[in-house]
Amino acid sequence: MKELLRTNDPTVIAFATALLDGEGITTFATDVHMSTLEGSIGALPRRLLVRDDDHARARRVLADNDIDTGDG
């Protein structure tokens, strides 16, 4: 698994997951329950992972939908 996206905005994770699911790319969201430890203030970013083989295609899907993956 390879990190695709890191954000503090849970709506971006949800949107990216929906887009990638529609393309048949399996995702895994990490750090989803960290808000319990931080007091729900949104300080800790959530990450979205994809299989190594799907990473390049997933980046293109997100870029086509104006979601910045931070990879330049």
Protein backbone atom coordinates (compact mmCIF):
# COMPACT_ATOMS: atom_id res chain seq x y z
CA MET A 1 0.00 0.00 0.00
CA LYS A 2 1.15 3.49 -0.81
CA GLU A 3 -0.05 6.82 0.55
CA LEU A 4 -2.05 8.74 -2.01
CA LEU A 5 -3.56 11.59 -0.05
CA ARG A 6 -3.17 13.28 3.34
CA THR A 7 -5.68 15.85 4.54
CA ASN A 8 -7.44 17.23 7.60
CA ASP A 9 -10.69 17.52 5.64
CA PRO A 10 -12.81 14.35 5.96
CA THR A 11 -14.98 15.42 3.01
CA VAL A 12 -11.96 15.27 0.69
CA ILE A 13 -11.26 11.70 1.83
CA ALA A 14 -14.90 10.75 1.23
CA PHE A 15 -14.96 12.37 -2.23
CA ALA A 16 -11.64 10.82 -3.26
CA THR A 17 -12.79 7.40 -2.04
CA ALA A 18 -16.01 7.66 -4.04
CA LEU A 19 -14.14 8.70 -7.19
CA LEU A 20 -11.63 5.89 -6.86
CA ASP A 21 -14.28 3.29 -6.05
CA GLY A 22 -16.03 4.34 -9.26
CA GLU A 23 -12.81 3.59 -11.15
CA GLY A 24 -12.44 0.19 -9.49
CA ILE A 25 -9.50 1.28 -7.33
CA THR A 26 -9.56 -0.10 -3.80
CA THR A 27 -8.71 2.39 -1.05
CA PHE A 28 -7.86 2.14 2.62
CA ALA A 29 -8.38 5.13 4.91
CA THR A 30 -6.05 5.40 7.89
CA ASP A 31 -6.07 7.54 11.02
CA VAL A 32 -9.86 7.81 10.78
CA HIS A 33 -10.45 7.36 14.50
CA MET A 34 -7.61 9.61 15.66
CA SER A 35 -10.14 12.37 16.35
CA THR A 36 -11.05 10.49 19.52
CA LEU A 37 -7.53 11.01 20.81
CA GLU A 38 -7.23 14.61 19.66
CA GLY A 39 -10.62 15.74 20.97
CA SER A 40 -12.27 16.08 17.53
CA ILE A 41 -10.45 19.28 16.63
CA GLY A 42 -9.19 17.99 13.27
CA ALA A 43 -5.50 18.59 13.97
CA LEU A 44 -4.30 15.17 12.83
CA PRO A 45 -4.50 14.47 9.10
CA ARG A 46 -6.20 11.41 7.69
CA ARG A 47 -4.49 9.40 4.98
CA LEU A 48 -5.81 7.48 1.99
CA LEU A 49 -3.80 4.50 0.76
CA VAL A 50 -4.03 2.52 -2.48
CA ARG A 51 -2.22 -0.54 -3.82
CA ASP A 52 1.20 0.24 -5.27
CA ASP A 53 0.02 -0.92 -8.72
CA ASP A 54 -2.92 1.52 -8.63
CA HIS A 55 -1.05 4.57 -7.32
CA ALA A 56 -0.26 6.30 -10.63
CA ARG A 57 -3.78 5.77 -12.00
CA ALA A 58 -5.33 6.93 -8.72
CA ARG A 59 -3.24 10.13 -8.79
CA ARG A 60 -4.48 10.84 -12.32
CA VAL A 61 -8.11 10.30 -11.28
CA LEU A 62 -7.75 12.73 -8.38
CA ALA A 63 -5.84 15.28 -10.48
CA ASP A 64 -8.58 15.15 -13.13
CA ASN A 65 -11.03 16.08 -10.37
CA ASP A 66 -8.89 18.90 -8.91
CA ILE A 67 -7.88 17.04 -5.76
CA ASP A 68 -4.28 17.88 -4.83
CA THR A 69 -2.31 14.83 -3.72
CA GLY A 70 0.72 16.94 -2.82
CA ASP A 71 2.98 14.97 -5.18
CA GLY A 72 3.70 17.95 -7.38
